[in-house]
């Protein structure tokens, strides 16, 4: 009898800790949509100022700064002349 109660408590604890993968996916998507990459680049001293133009290729958004550096999210993807 004690073993059955212990097993039920264990099952309940595992169920409570289970995570909903769909909810986690929705939260990541919402965070990605609301993330301000321009501000993060400025705070990390990667760039100064704001981008002068943005290139959109499919789902990619590439910010181009006055000195020619090109960033996608927080990654430098190239330099123009």
Protein backbone atom coordinates (compact mmCIF):
# COMPACT_ATOMS: atom_id res chain seq x y z
CA UNK A 1 0.00 0.00 0.00
CA UNK A 2 2.81 2.42 0.88
CA UNK A 3 4.53 1.62 -2.41
CA UNK A 4 1.38 2.41 -4.39
CA UNK A 5 0.97 5.78 -2.65
CA UNK A 6 4.65 6.58 -3.20
CA UNK A 7 4.29 5.66 -6.88
CA UNK A 8 1.23 7.92 -7.25
CA UNK A 9 3.08 10.82 -5.63
CA UNK A 10 6.05 10.25 -7.92
CA UNK A 11 3.81 10.18 -11.02
CA UNK A 12 2.08 13.39 -9.93
CA UNK A 13 5.43 15.14 -9.40
CA UNK A 14 6.68 14.13 -12.84
CA UNK A 15 3.44 15.29 -14.46
CA UNK A 16 3.59 18.67 -12.74
CA UNK A 17 7.14 19.25 -14.01
CA UNK A 18 6.26 18.35 -17.61
CA UNK A 19 6.57 21.26 -20.04
CA UNK A 20 4.31 22.07 -22.95
CA UNK A 21 6.58 22.21 -26.04
CA UNK A 22 4.01 24.18 -28.03
CA UNK A 23 3.84 26.87 -25.35
CA UNK A 24 7.63 27.09 -25.23
CA UNK A 25 7.70 27.43 -29.03
CA UNK A 26 5.11 30.22 -28.95
CA UNK A 27 7.06 32.06 -26.23
CA UNK A 28 10.31 31.83 -28.24
CA UNK A 29 8.53 33.13 -31.35
CA UNK A 30 6.98 36.03 -29.43
CA UNK A 31 10.36 36.88 -27.88
CA UNK A 32 11.99 36.80 -31.30
CA UNK A 33 9.37 39.13 -32.76
CA UNK A 34 9.72 41.63 -29.92
CA UNK A 35 13.51 41.56 -29.70
CA UNK A 36 15.23 44.84 -30.57
CA UNK A 37 18.45 43.81 -32.31
CA UNK A 38 19.42 47.42 -33.16
CA UNK A 39 19.37 48.39 -29.48
CA UNK A 40 21.27 45.25 -28.47
CA UNK A 41 24.03 45.97 -31.00
CA UNK A 42 24.36 49.50 -29.64
CA UNK A 43 24.50 48.32 -26.03
CA UNK A 44 27.20 45.76 -26.92
CA UNK A 45 29.24 48.51 -28.66
CA UNK A 46 29.19 46.63 -31.95
CA UNK A 47 27.95 49.74 -33.79
CA UNK A 48 27.20 53.40 -33.22
CA UNK A 49 23.98 55.00 -34.40
CA UNK A 50 21.14 53.45 -36.32
CA UNK A 51 21.13 51.56 -39.62
CA UNK A 52 20.62 53.64 -42.75
CA UNK A 53 18.89 50.87 -44.68
CA UNK A 54 17.47 47.38 -44.34
CA UNK A 55 17.68 44.57 -46.87
CA UNK A 56 14.85 42.02 -46.65
CA UNK A 57 15.48 38.74 -48.44
CA UNK A 58 12.75 36.20 -47.66
CA UNK A 59 12.67 35.97 -43.88
CA UNK A 60 16.13 37.52 -43.45
CA UNK A 61 16.41 41.14 -42.32
CA UNK A 62 19.85 42.65 -42.84
CA UNK A 63 20.59 46.09 -41.37
CA UNK A 64 23.19 48.19 -43.19
CA UNK A 65 25.00 50.90 -41.22
CA UNK A 66 26.56 54.11 -42.63
CA UNK A 67 30.13 52.76 -42.35
CA UNK A 68 29.14 49.68 -44.41
CA UNK A 69 28.80 46.94 -41.80
CA UNK A 70 25.89 44.56 -42.41
CA UNK A 71 24.18 42.74 -39.52
CA UNK A 72 21.52 40.05 -39.41
CA UNK A 73 20.15 39.89 -35.87
CA UNK A 74 23.31 40.03 -33.79
CA UNK A 75 25.65 38.57 -36.39
CA UNK A 76 27.83 40.48 -38.80
CA UNK A 77 27.18 39.13 -42.29
CA UNK A 78 29.34 41.41 -44.39
CA UNK A 79 30.77 44.82 -45.20
CA UNK A 80 29.91 47.01 -48.18
CA UNK A 81 32.12 49.69 -49.65
